[in-house]
Amino acid sequence: MRGTIGRVSAADDWEYAPLRIPPGTSRSAAATMLSLQVDVGGWELARLQLHADGTRKAILRRRARLSYLPMPVT
């Protein structure tokens, strides 16, 4: 169960990080993965998409002033 992090971009007061969760990852495992990002890095879930092949694509965001916190872990 490994997700991939895309490039982090910043817009105005927010930083955004795309996260891809591979197909076959259970719903509870994906929720755990996302909650760890929230607890550790100060991220919040901005958008979550579930694709027909089972891939989940999440967009995480956090205030730009929190950029000293760690990036999402894959």
PDB file of N, CA and C in Angstrom:
ATOM      1  N   MET A   1       0.843  -1.174   0.000  1.00  0.00           N
ATOM      2  CA  MET A   1       0.000   0.000   0.000  1.00  0.00           C
ATOM      3  C   MET A   1       0.887   1.235   0.000  1.00  0.00           C
ATOM      4  N   ARG A   2       1.231   1.698  -1.164  1.00  0.00           N
ATOM      5  CA  ARG A   2       2.031   2.896  -1.293  1.00  0.00           C
ATOM      6  C   ARG A   2       1.308   3.877  -2.183  1.00  0.00           C
ATOM      7  N   GLY A   3       1.222   5.103  -1.741  1.00  0.00           N
ATOM      8  CA  GLY A   3       0.662   6.160  -2.565  1.00  0.00           C
ATOM      9  C   GLY A   3       1.809   6.938  -3.180  1.00  0.00           C
ATOM     10  N   THR A   4       1.521   7.716  -4.181  1.00  0.00           N
ATOM     11  CA  THR A   4       2.544   8.555  -4.771  1.00  0.00           C
ATOM     12  C   THR A   4       2.147  10.007  -4.619  1.00  0.00           C
ATOM     13  N   ILE A   5       3.122  10.812  -4.289  1.00  0.00           N
ATOM     14  CA  ILE A   5       2.911  12.239  -4.097  1.00  0.00           C
ATOM     15  C   ILE A   5       3.371  12.966  -5.350  1.00  0.00           C
ATOM     16  N   GLY A   6       2.535  13.830  -5.853  1.00  0.00           N
ATOM     17  CA  GLY A   6       2.917  14.671  -6.983  1.00  0.00           C
ATOM     18  C   GLY A   6       3.656  15.899  -6.483  1.00  0.00           C
ATOM     19  N   ARG A   7       3.892  16.808  -7.379  1.00  0.00           N
ATOM     20  CA  ARG A   7       4.606  18.031  -7.032  1.00  0.00           C
ATOM     21  C   ARG A   7       3.714  18.936  -6.192  1.00  0.00           C
ATOM     22  N   VAL A   8       4.275  19.515  -5.169  1.00  0.00           N
ATOM     23  CA  VAL A   8       3.531  20.436  -4.306  1.00  0.00           C
ATOM     24  C   VAL A   8       3.523  21.806  -4.967  1.00  0.00           C
ATOM     25  N   SER A   9       2.359  22.413  -5.027  1.00  0.00           N
ATOM     26  CA  SER A   9       2.256  23.755  -5.581  1.00  0.00           C
ATOM     27  C   SER A   9       1.637  24.673  -4.531  1.00  0.00           C
ATOM     28  N   ALA A  10       1.893  25.943  -4.675  1.00  0.00           N
ATOM     29  CA  ALA A  10       1.360  26.915  -3.726  1.00  0.00           C
ATOM     30  C   ALA A  10       0.506  27.927  -4.485  1.00  0.00           C
ATOM     31  N   ALA A  11      -0.630  28.264  -3.948  1.00  0.00           N
ATOM     32  CA  ALA A  11      -1.501  29.286  -4.523  1.00  0.00           C
ATOM     33  C   ALA A  11      -2.046  30.118  -3.376  1.00  0.00           C
ATOM     34  N   ASP A  12      -1.746  31.398  -3.412  1.00  0.00           N
ATOM     35  CA  ASP A  12      -2.185  32.313  -2.372  1.00  0.00           C
ATOM     36  C   ASP A  12      -1.706  31.848  -0.997  1.00  0.00           C
ATOM     37  N   ASP A  13      -2.646  31.524  -0.123  1.00  0.00           N
ATOM     38  CA  ASP A  13      -2.292  31.146   1.242  1.00  0.00           C
ATOM     39  C   ASP A  13      -2.219  29.644   1.441  1.00  0.00           C
ATOM     40  N   TRP A  14      -2.392  28.857   0.387  1.00  0.00           N
ATOM     41  CA  TRP A  14      -2.462  27.403   0.517  1.00  0.00           C
ATOM     42  C   TRP A  14      -1.361  26.714  -0.263  1.00  0.00           C
ATOM     43  N   GLU A  15      -0.896  25.591   0.257  1.00  0.00           N
ATOM     44  CA  GLU A  15      -0.034  24.663  -0.470  1.00  0.00           C
ATOM     45  C   GLU A  15      -0.893  23.453  -0.812  1.00  0.00           C
ATOM     46  N   TYR A  16      -0.696  22.894  -2.009  1.00  0.00           N
ATOM     47  CA  TYR A  16      -1.455  21.736  -2.451  1.00  0.00           C
ATOM     48  C   TYR A  16      -0.503  20.602  -2.803  1.00  0.00           C
ATOM     49  N   ALA A  17      -0.902  19.392  -2.460  1.00  0.00           N
ATOM     50  CA  ALA A  17      -0.115  18.209  -2.794  1.00  0.00           C
ATOM     51  C   ALA A  17      -1.054  17.111  -3.290  1.00  0.00           C
ATOM     52  N   PRO A  18      -0.880  16.699  -4.556  1.00  0.00           N
ATOM     53  CA  PRO A  18      -1.703  15.588  -5.048  1.00  0.00           C
ATOM     54  C   PRO A  18      -1.172  14.260  -4.526  1.00  0.00           C
ATOM     55  N   LEU A  19      -2.062  13.365  -4.200  1.00  0.00           N
ATOM     56  CA  LEU A  19      -1.705  12.046  -3.676  1.00  0.00           C
ATOM     57  C   LEU A  19      -2.485  11.004  -4.454  1.00  0.00           C
ATOM     58  N   ARG A  20      -1.788  10.006  -4.995  1.00  0.00           N
ATOM     59  CA  ARG A  20      -2.438   8.918  -5.729  1.00  0.00           C
ATOM     60  C   ARG A  20      -2.392   7.666  -4.874  1.00  0.00           C
ATOM     61  N   ILE A  21      -3.549   7.077  -4.632  1.00  0.00           N
ATOM     62  CA  ILE A  21      -3.652   5.839  -3.862  1.00  0.00           C
ATOM     63  C   ILE A  21      -3.998   4.732  -4.846  1.00  0.00           C
ATOM     64  N   PRO A  22      -3.163   3.694  -4.933  1.00  0.00           N
ATOM     65  CA  PRO A  22      -3.334   2.682  -5.979  1.00  0.00           C
ATOM     66  C   PRO A  22      -4.596   1.852  -5.828  1.00  0.00           C
ATOM     67  N   PRO A  23      -5.049   1.252  -6.944  1.00  0.00           N
ATOM     68  CA  PRO A  23      -6.213   0.380  -6.871  1.00  0.00           C
ATOM     69  C   PRO A  23      -5.918  -0.825  -5.996  1.00  0.00           C
ATOM     70  N   GLY A  24      -6.941  -1.364  -5.388  1.00  0.00           N
ATOM     71  CA  GLY A  24      -6.759  -2.508  -4.504  1.00  0.00           C
ATOM     72  C   GLY A  24      -6.534  -2.119  -3.062  1.00  0.00           C
ATOM     73  N   THR A  25      -6.323  -0.834  -2.805  1.00  0.00           N
ATOM     74  CA  THR A  25      -6.176  -0.360  -1.436  1.00  0.00           C
ATOM     75  C   THR A  25      -7.565  -0.281  -0.819  1.00  0.00           C
ATOM     76  N   SER A  26      -7.729  -0.884   0.340  1.00  0.00           N
ATOM     77  CA  SER A  26      -9.049  -0.881   0.968  1.00  0.00           C
ATOM     78  C   SER A  26      -9.430   0.535   1.403  1.00  0.00           C
ATOM     79  N   ARG A  27     -10.707   0.717   1.583  1.00  0.00           N
ATOM     80  CA  ARG A  27     -11.213   2.027   2.007  1.00  0.00           C
ATOM     81  C   ARG A  27     -10.647   2.418   3.371  1.00  0.00           C
ATOM     82  N   SER A  28     -10.578   1.461   4.288  1.00  0.00           N
ATOM     83  CA  SER A  28     -10.063   1.771   5.624  1.00  0.00           C
ATOM     84  C   SER A  28      -8.564   2.070   5.580  1.00  0.00           C
ATOM     85  N   ALA A  29      -7.821   1.366   4.724  1.00  0.00           N
ATOM     86  CA  ALA A  29      -6.389   1.647   4.594  1.00  0.00           C
ATOM     87  C   ALA A  29      -6.153   3.027   3.993  1.00  0.00           C
ATOM     88  N   ALA A  30      -6.963   3.405   3.004  1.00  0.00           N
ATOM     89  CA  ALA A  30      -6.847   4.735   2.405  1.00  0.00           C
ATOM     90  C   ALA A  30      -7.186   5.814   3.436  1.00  0.00           C
ATOM     91  N   ALA A  31      -8.214   5.583   4.232  1.00  0.00           N
ATOM     92  CA  ALA A  31      -8.591   6.549   5.272  1.00  0.00           C
ATOM     93  C   ALA A  31      -7.483   6.684   6.308  1.00  0.00           C
ATOM     94  N   THR A  32      -6.867   5.573   6.663  1.00  0.00           N
ATOM     95  CA  THR A  32      -5.752   5.611   7.621  1.00  0.00           C
ATOM     96  C   THR A  32      -4.583   6.392   7.040  1.00  0.00           C
ATOM     97  N   MET A  33      -4.268   6.136   5.763  1.00  0.00           N
ATOM     98  CA  MET A  33      -3.174   6.844   5.098  1.00  0.00           C
ATOM     99  C   MET A  33      -3.415   8.350   5.107  1.00  0.00           C
ATOM    100  N   LEU A  34      -4.635   8.752   4.786  1.00  0.00           N
ATOM    101  CA  LEU A  34      -4.957  10.178   4.764  1.00  0.00           C
ATOM    102  C   LEU A  34      -4.953  10.786   6.160  1.00  0.00           C
ATOM    103  N   SER A  35      -5.446  10.056   7.156  1.00  0.00           N
ATOM    104  CA  SER A  35      -5.475  10.604   8.518  1.00  0.00           C
ATOM    105  C   SER A  35      -4.066  10.767   9.077  1.00  0.00           C
ATOM    106  N   LEU A  36      -3.141   9.915   8.679  1.00  0.00           N
ATOM    107  CA  LEU A  36      -1.753  10.085   9.112  1.00  0.00           C
ATOM    108  C   LEU A  36      -1.150  11.361   8.539  1.00  0.00           C
ATOM    109  N   GLN A  37      -1.499  11.686   7.297  1.00  0.00           N
ATOM    110  CA  GLN A  37      -1.005  12.932   6.696  1.00  0.00           C
ATOM    111  C   GLN A  37      -1.544  14.140   7.458  1.00  0.00           C
ATOM    112  N   VAL A  38      -2.786  14.064   7.878  1.00  0.00           N
ATOM    113  CA  VAL A  38      -3.398  15.154   8.634  1.00  0.00           C
ATOM    114  C   VAL A  38      -2.697  15.325   9.974  1.00  0.00           C
ATOM    115  N   ASP A  39      -2.469  14.222  10.674  1.00  0.00           N
ATOM    116  CA  ASP A  39      -1.862  14.280  12.000  1.00  0.00           C
ATOM    117  C   ASP A  39      -0.406  14.740  11.961  1.00  0.00           C
ATOM    118  N   VAL A  40       0.345  14.265  10.985  1.00  0.00           N
ATOM    119  CA  VAL A  40       1.789  14.512  10.953  1.00  0.00           C
ATOM    120  C   VAL A  40       2.142  15.813  10.251  1.00  0.00           C
ATOM    121  N   GLY A  41       1.511  16.084   9.122  1.00  0.00           N
ATOM    122  CA  GLY A  41       1.954  17.203   8.302  1.00  0.00           C
ATOM    123  C   GLY A  41       1.057  18.410   8.274  1.00  0.00           C
ATOM    124  N   GLY A  42      -0.039  18.384   8.998  1.00  0.00           N
ATOM    125  CA  GLY A  42      -0.920  19.538   9.003  1.00  0.00           C
ATOM    126  C   GLY A  42      -1.768  19.662   7.746  1.00  0.00           C
ATOM    127  N   TRP A  43      -1.861  18.591   6.961  1.00  0.00           N
ATOM    128  CA  TRP A  43      -2.635  18.608   5.729  1.00  0.00           C
ATOM    129  C   TRP A  43      -4.112  18.382   6.024  1.00  0.00           C
ATOM    130  N   GLU A  44      -4.964  18.845   5.120  1.00  0.00           N
ATOM    131  CA  GLU A  44      -6.381  18.525   5.167  1.00  0.00           C
ATOM    132  C   GLU A  44      -6.797  18.076   3.772  1.00  0.00           C
ATOM    133  N   LEU A  45      -7.851  17.313   3.716  1.00  0.00           N
ATOM    134  CA  LEU A  45      -8.334  16.788   2.450  1.00  0.00           C
ATOM    135  C   LEU A  45      -9.147  17.859   1.734  1.00  0.00           C
ATOM    136  N   ALA A  46      -8.687  18.253   0.551  1.00  0.00           N
ATOM    137  CA  ALA A  46      -9.404  19.254  -0.237  1.00  0.00           C
ATOM    138  C   ALA A  46     -10.326  18.586  -1.243  1.00  0.00           C
ATOM    139  N   ARG A  47      -9.891  17.461  -1.832  1.00  0.00           N
ATOM    140  CA  ARG A  47     -10.704  16.761  -2.836  1.00  0.00           C
ATOM    141  C   ARG A  47     -10.275  15.309  -2.896  1.00  0.00           C
ATOM    142  N   LEU A  48     -11.245  14.436  -3.118  1.00  0.00           N
ATOM    143  CA  LEU A  48     -10.976  13.016  -3.280  1.00  0.00           C
ATOM    144  C   LEU A  48     -11.797  12.510  -4.454  1.00  0.00           C
ATOM    145  N   GLN A  49     -11.130  11.836  -5.388  1.00  0.00           N
ATOM    146  CA  GLN A  49     -11.802  11.263  -6.543  1.00  0.00           C
ATOM    147  C   GLN A  49     -11.544   9.763  -6.564  1.00  0.00           C
ATOM    148  N   LEU A  50     -12.583   8.988  -6.823  1.00  0.00           N
ATOM    149  CA  LEU A  50     -12.458   7.549  -7.000  1.00  0.00           C
ATOM    150  C   LEU A  50     -12.705   7.259  -8.469  1.00  0.00           C
ATOM    151  N   HIS A  51     -11.721   6.650  -9.123  1.00  0.00           N
ATOM    152  CA  HIS A  51     -11.817   6.359 -10.546  1.00  0.00           C
ATOM    153  C   HIS A  51     -12.318   4.936 -10.771  1.00  0.00           C
ATOM    154  N   ALA A  52     -12.776   4.673 -11.986  1.00  0.00           N
ATOM    155  CA  ALA A  52     -13.374   3.381 -12.328  1.00  0.00           C
ATOM    156  C   ALA A  52     -12.401   2.217 -12.121  1.00  0.00           C
ATOM    157  N   ASP A  53     -11.110   2.451 -12.284  1.00  0.00           N
ATOM    158  CA  ASP A  53     -10.121   1.378 -12.105  1.00  0.00           C
ATOM    159  C   ASP A  53      -9.770   1.135 -10.640  1.00  0.00           C
ATOM    160  N   GLY A  54     -10.357   1.906  -9.729  1.00  0.00           N
ATOM    161  CA  GLY A  54     -10.104   1.741  -8.304  1.00  0.00           C
ATOM    162  C   GLY A  54      -9.067   2.691  -7.737  1.00  0.00           C
ATOM    163  N   THR A  55      -8.415   3.460  -8.588  1.00  0.00           N
ATOM    164  CA  THR A  55      -7.432   4.438  -8.143  1.00  0.00           C
ATOM    165  C   THR A  55      -8.138   5.599  -7.456  1.00  0.00           C
ATOM    166  N   ARG A  56      -7.577   6.033  -6.345  1.00  0.00           N
ATOM    167  CA  ARG A  56      -8.087   7.224  -5.664  1.00  0.00           C
ATOM    168  C   ARG A  56      -7.071   8.345  -5.858  1.00  0.00           C
ATOM    169  N   LYS A  57      -7.558   9.509  -6.184  1.00  0.00           N
ATOM    170  CA  LYS A  57      -6.696  10.680  -6.306  1.00  0.00           C
ATOM    171  C   LYS A  57      -7.178  11.710  -5.308  1.00  0.00           C
ATOM    172  N   ALA A  58      -6.298  12.054  -4.392  1.00  0.00           N
ATOM    173  CA  ALA A  58      -6.625  13.024  -3.348  1.00  0.00           C
ATOM    174  C   ALA A  58      -5.792  14.275  -3.556  1.00  0.00           C
ATOM    175  N   ILE A  59      -6.372  15.405  -3.250  1.00  0.00           N
ATOM    176  CA  ILE A  59      -5.650  16.669  -3.213  1.00  0.00           C
ATOM    177  C   ILE A  59      -5.632  17.101  -1.754  1.00  0.00           C
ATOM    178  N   LEU A  60      -4.423  17.204  -1.203  1.00  0.00           N
ATOM    179  CA  LEU A  60      -4.250  17.661   0.173  1.00  0.00           C
ATOM    180  C   LEU A  60      -3.869  19.131   0.147  1.00  0.00           C
ATOM    181  N   ARG A  61      -4.274  19.862   1.156  1.00  0.00           N
ATOM    182  CA  ARG A  61      -3.883  21.261   1.237  1.00  0.00           C
ATOM    183  C   ARG A  61      -3.561  21.617   2.679  1.00  0.00           C
ATOM    184  N   ARG A  62      -2.757  22.664   2.825  1.00  0.00           N
ATOM    185  CA  ARG A  62      -2.458  23.220   4.143  1.00  0.00           C
ATOM    186  C   ARG A  62      -2.079  24.680   3.958  1.00  0.00           C
ATOM    187  N   ARG A  63      -2.191  25.412   5.014  1.00  0.00           N
ATOM    188  CA  ARG A  63      -1.810  26.819   4.977  1.00  0.00           C
ATOM    189  C   ARG A  63      -0.320  26.923   4.669  1.00  0.00           C
ATOM    190  N   ALA A  64       0.047  27.880   3.837  1.00  0.00           N
ATOM    191  CA  ALA A  64       1.438  28.032   3.412  1.00  0.00           C
ATOM    192  C   ALA A  64       2.356  28.319   4.601  1.00  0.00           C
ATOM    193  N   ARG A  65       1.838  28.916   5.628  1.00  0.00           N
ATOM    194  CA  ARG A  65       2.681  29.227   6.786  1.00  0.00           C
ATOM    195  C   ARG A  65       3.107  27.976   7.549  1.00  0.00           C
ATOM    196  N   LEU A  66       2.506  26.825   7.236  1.00  0.00           N
ATOM    197  CA  LEU A  66       2.866  25.572   7.888  1.00  0.00           C
ATOM    198  C   LEU A  66       3.884  24.784   7.073  1.00  0.00           C
ATOM    199  N   SER A  67       4.568  25.424   6.125  1.00  0.00           N
ATOM    200  CA  SER A  67       5.458  24.711   5.221  1.00  0.00           C
ATOM    201  C   SER A  67       6.683  24.115   5.917  1.00  0.00           C
ATOM    202  N   TYR A  68       6.918  24.451   7.166  1.00  0.00           N
ATOM    203  CA  TYR A  68       8.023  23.847   7.899  1.00  0.00           C
ATOM    204  C   TYR A  68       7.690  22.422   8.334  1.00  0.00           C
ATOM    205  N   LEU A  69       6.412  22.040   8.244  1.00  0.00           N
ATOM    206  CA  LEU A  69       6.000  20.676   8.593  1.00  0.00           C
ATOM    207  C   LEU A  69       6.387  19.720   7.465  1.00  0.00           C
ATOM    208  N   PRO A  70       6.482  18.429   7.750  1.00  0.00           N
ATOM    209  CA  PRO A  70       6.930  17.475   6.732  1.00  0.00           C
ATOM    210  C   PRO A  70       5.956  17.337   5.561  1.00  0.00           C
ATOM    211  N   MET A  71       6.509  16.941   4.408  1.00  0.00           N
ATOM    212  CA  MET A  71       5.703  16.673   3.225  1.00  0.00           C
ATOM    213  C   MET A  71       4.963  15.352   3.435  1.00  0.00           C
ATOM    214  N   PRO A  72       3.910  15.094   2.629  1.00  0.00           N
ATOM    215  CA  PRO A  72       3.213  13.813   2.746  1.00  0.00           C
ATOM    216  C   PRO A  72       4.163  12.652   2.522  1.00  0.00           C
ATOM    217  N   VAL A  73       3.947  11.584   3.258  1.00  0.00           N
ATOM    218  CA  VAL A  73       4.790  10.402   3.167  1.00  0.00           C
ATOM    219  C   VAL A  73       4.097   9.382   2.286  1.00  0.00           C
ATOM    220  N   THR A  74       4.871   8.767   1.394  1.00  0.00           N
ATOM    221  CA  THR A  74       4.273   7.756   0.516  1.00  0.00           C
ATOM    222  C   THR A  74       4.483   6.382   1.080  1.00  0.00           C
TER     223      THR A  74
END
